[in-house]
Amino acid sequence: MQNFSLLKRAGRASKPVLLKRGMAATIEEWLMAAEYILEGGNSQVIFCERGVRTFADHSRNTLDLSSIPVVRKQSHLPIIVDPSHAAGRRDQVIPLSRAAVAAEAHGLMVEVHHEPEKAMSDGAQSLYPDQFALLCRQVNAIYDIFHSKSV
């Protein structure tokens, strides 16, 4: 996000760009980083909220759910959430995912592994497949509440 040469180069690419928020970046800095890519002609940018650095030690990062409605209001670009990276802990991934969908994130990026204890990296934050299936059912139900045709 803060490598401006890389952002400009990504702007000339014809590939989608997942722009993760820096751990200490403000929302304005994040939005301006996307402008470097857009200015180069690449409109395929997706914001990814993955938590910011705080003094909390109950998770790897603190997921900034308030960034979702702010980015949705200030940008036409989609925003997804990476609760796995934010939490760094499996037991927080499902609740954070539900909250992100309720805050109207456009999507989620969740780590899943059949044997997380054997994963080469990030096993502690990876869901088991059955947990992922549960997560999908729950977030679909939350999504349906906000997108019901009767509302």
Protein backbone atom coordinates (compact mmCIF):
# COMPACT_ATOMS: atom_id res chain seq x y z
CA MET A 1 0.00 0.00 0.00
CA GLN A 2 2.89 2.35 0.67
CA ASN A 3 5.13 1.31 -2.21
CA PHE A 4 4.17 4.07 -4.63
CA SER A 5 6.31 2.75 -7.48
CA LEU A 6 4.55 -0.60 -7.19
CA LEU A 7 1.13 1.07 -7.04
CA LYS A 8 1.89 3.02 -10.22
CA ARG A 9 3.08 -0.18 -11.91
CA ALA A 10 -0.11 -1.96 -10.80
CA GLY A 11 -2.03 0.88 -12.41
CA ARG A 12 -0.52 -0.02 -15.78
CA ALA A 13 -1.30 -3.72 -15.33
CA SER A 14 -4.45 -5.29 -16.67
CA LYS A 15 -4.84 -7.51 -13.62
CA PRO A 16 -7.11 -7.10 -10.60
CA VAL A 17 -5.38 -5.60 -7.56
CA LEU A 18 -6.23 -6.49 -3.97
CA LEU A 19 -5.19 -3.44 -1.97
CA LYS A 20 -4.74 -4.43 1.66
CA ARG A 21 -4.83 -1.66 4.22
CA GLY A 22 -1.50 -1.01 5.90
CA MET A 23 -1.36 -1.80 9.61
CA ALA A 24 -1.00 1.85 10.58
CA ALA A 25 -2.73 3.49 7.59
CA THR A 26 -5.63 5.87 7.87
CA ILE A 27 -8.62 5.33 5.63
CA GLU A 28 -7.68 8.46 3.67
CA GLU A 29 -4.18 7.10 3.03
CA TRP A 30 -5.70 3.81 1.89
CA LEU A 31 -8.11 5.55 -0.48
CA MET A 32 -5.27 7.67 -1.89
CA ALA A 33 -3.17 4.53 -2.48
CA ALA A 34 -5.99 3.26 -4.69
CA GLU A 35 -5.86 6.53 -6.62
CA TYR A 36 -2.30 5.71 -7.73
CA ILE A 37 -3.61 2.51 -9.31
CA LEU A 38 -6.70 4.11 -10.82
CA GLU A 39 -4.65 6.98 -12.25
CA GLY A 40 -2.62 4.43 -14.21
CA GLY A 41 -5.78 3.19 -15.92
CA ASN A 42 -6.49 0.07 -13.89
CA SER A 43 -10.01 0.19 -12.46
CA GLN A 44 -9.88 -3.37 -11.11
CA VAL A 45 -9.11 -2.47 -7.49
CA ILE A 46 -10.57 -4.19 -4.44
CA PHE A 47 -9.97 -2.82 -0.95
CA CYS A 48 -9.16 -5.38 1.75
CA GLU A 49 -9.55 -4.50 5.43
CA ARG A 50 -7.35 -6.82 7.48
CA GLY A 51 -7.04 -5.00 10.77
CA VAL A 52 -4.90 -2.23 12.15
CA ARG A 53 -2.18 -2.31 14.75
CA THR A 54 -3.32 -1.39 18.26
CA PHE A 55 -2.18 -2.06 21.80
CA ALA A 56 -4.60 -4.98 22.13
CA ASP A 57 -3.05 -8.39 22.56
CA HIS A 58 -6.20 -10.52 22.25
CA SER A 59 -5.75 -10.74 18.47
CA ARG A 60 -3.04 -10.10 15.91
CA ASN A 61 -4.66 -6.87 14.72
CA THR A 62 -7.87 -5.03 15.56
CA LEU A 63 -10.39 -5.39 12.75
CA ASP A 64 -11.69 -1.93 11.86
CA LEU A 65 -15.30 -2.67 10.95
CA SER A 66 -16.02 1.07 10.81
CA SER A 67 -13.86 1.27 7.69
CA ILE A 68 -16.44 -0.71 5.69
CA PRO A 69 -19.25 1.87 5.58
CA VAL A 70 -16.72 4.71 5.25
CA VAL A 71 -15.04 3.14 2.21
CA ARG A 72 -18.43 2.24 0.71
CA LYS A 73 -19.50 5.87 1.06
CA GLN A 74 -16.27 7.47 -0.16
CA SER A 75 -15.41 5.09 -3.00
CA HIS A 76 -17.11 3.21 -5.80
CA LEU A 77 -14.70 0.30 -5.33
CA PRO A 78 -15.61 -2.93 -3.51
CA ILE A 79 -14.28 -3.71 -0.04
CA ILE A 80 -13.69 -7.17 1.35
CA VAL A 81 -12.54 -8.22 4.82
CA ASP A 82 -9.80 -10.66 5.84
CA PRO A 83 -10.87 -11.76 9.34
CA SER A 84 -8.30 -14.58 9.37
CA HIS A 85 -5.40 -12.15 9.09
CA ALA A 86 -6.93 -9.64 11.48
CA ALA A 87 -7.57 -12.16 14.24
CA GLY A 88 -4.66 -14.51 13.82
CA ARG A 89 -6.80 -16.94 15.81
CA ARG A 90 -9.34 -19.46 14.53
CA ASP A 91 -11.90 -18.82 17.30
CA GLN A 92 -12.35 -15.19 16.22
CA VAL A 93 -12.71 -15.73 12.47
CA ILE A 94 -16.41 -16.68 12.39
CA PRO A 95 -17.66 -13.86 14.68
CA LEU A 96 -15.57 -11.27 12.82
CA SER A 97 -16.86 -12.59 9.49
CA ARG A 98 -20.47 -12.28 10.63
CA ALA A 99 -19.81 -8.72 11.79
CA ALA A 100 -18.13 -7.81 8.48
CA VAL A 101 -21.11 -9.07 6.48
CA ALA A 102 -23.49 -7.19 8.78
CA ALA A 103 -21.41 -4.05 8.14
CA GLU A 104 -22.02 -4.72 4.41
CA ALA A 105 -18.59 -5.79 3.23
CA HIS A 106 -18.72 -6.98 -0.37
CA GLY A 107 -16.93 -10.20 0.51
CA LEU A 108 -14.65 -12.14 2.81
CA MET A 109 -11.24 -13.72 2.45
CA VAL A 110 -10.99 -16.64 4.88
CA GLU A 111 -8.24 -19.21 5.31
CA VAL A 112 -9.32 -22.86 5.38
CA HIS A 113 -7.18 -25.96 5.81
CA HIS A 114 -7.95 -29.67 6.33
CA GLU A 115 -5.08 -29.97 8.81
CA PRO A 116 -4.27 -26.48 10.11
CA GLU A 117 -1.74 -27.89 12.59
CA LYS A 118 0.30 -29.04 9.56
CA ALA A 119 -0.12 -25.84 7.53
CA MET A 120 3.10 -24.26 6.29
CA SER A 121 1.88 -20.90 7.59
CA ASP A 122 -1.03 -19.36 9.45
CA GLY A 123 -2.51 -22.64 10.67
CA ALA A 124 -3.69 -21.02 13.90
CA GLN A 125 -6.04 -18.75 11.96
CA SER A 126 -7.28 -21.33 9.44
CA LEU A 127 -10.76 -22.75 9.75
CA TYR A 128 -11.46 -26.44 9.35
CA PRO A 129 -13.71 -27.21 6.35
CA ASP A 130 -16.73 -27.94 8.59
CA GLN A 131 -16.23 -24.58 10.32
CA PHE A 132 -16.09 -22.90 6.92
CA ALA A 133 -19.36 -24.58 5.91
CA LEU A 134 -20.96 -23.24 9.10
CA LEU A 135 -19.54 -19.79 8.41
CA CYS A 136 -21.01 -19.82 4.89
CA ARG A 137 -24.47 -20.70 6.19
CA GLN A 138 -24.33 -17.99 8.84
CA VAL A 139 -23.06 -15.18 6.63
CA ASN A 140 -25.54 -16.10 3.89
CA ALA A 141 -28.35 -15.73 6.45
CA ILE A 142 -27.00 -12.33 7.52
CA TYR A 143 -26.62 -11.25 3.89
CA ASP A 144 -30.22 -12.29 3.19
CA ILE A 145 -31.49 -10.06 6.01
CA PHE A 146 -29.99 -6.99 4.35
CA HIS A 147 -30.89 -7.93 0.80
CA SER A 148 -34.39 -9.28 1.27
CA LYS A 149 -36.80 -8.12 -1.44
CA SER A 150 -39.48 -7.43 1.18
CA VAL A 151 -37.43 -4.71 2.90
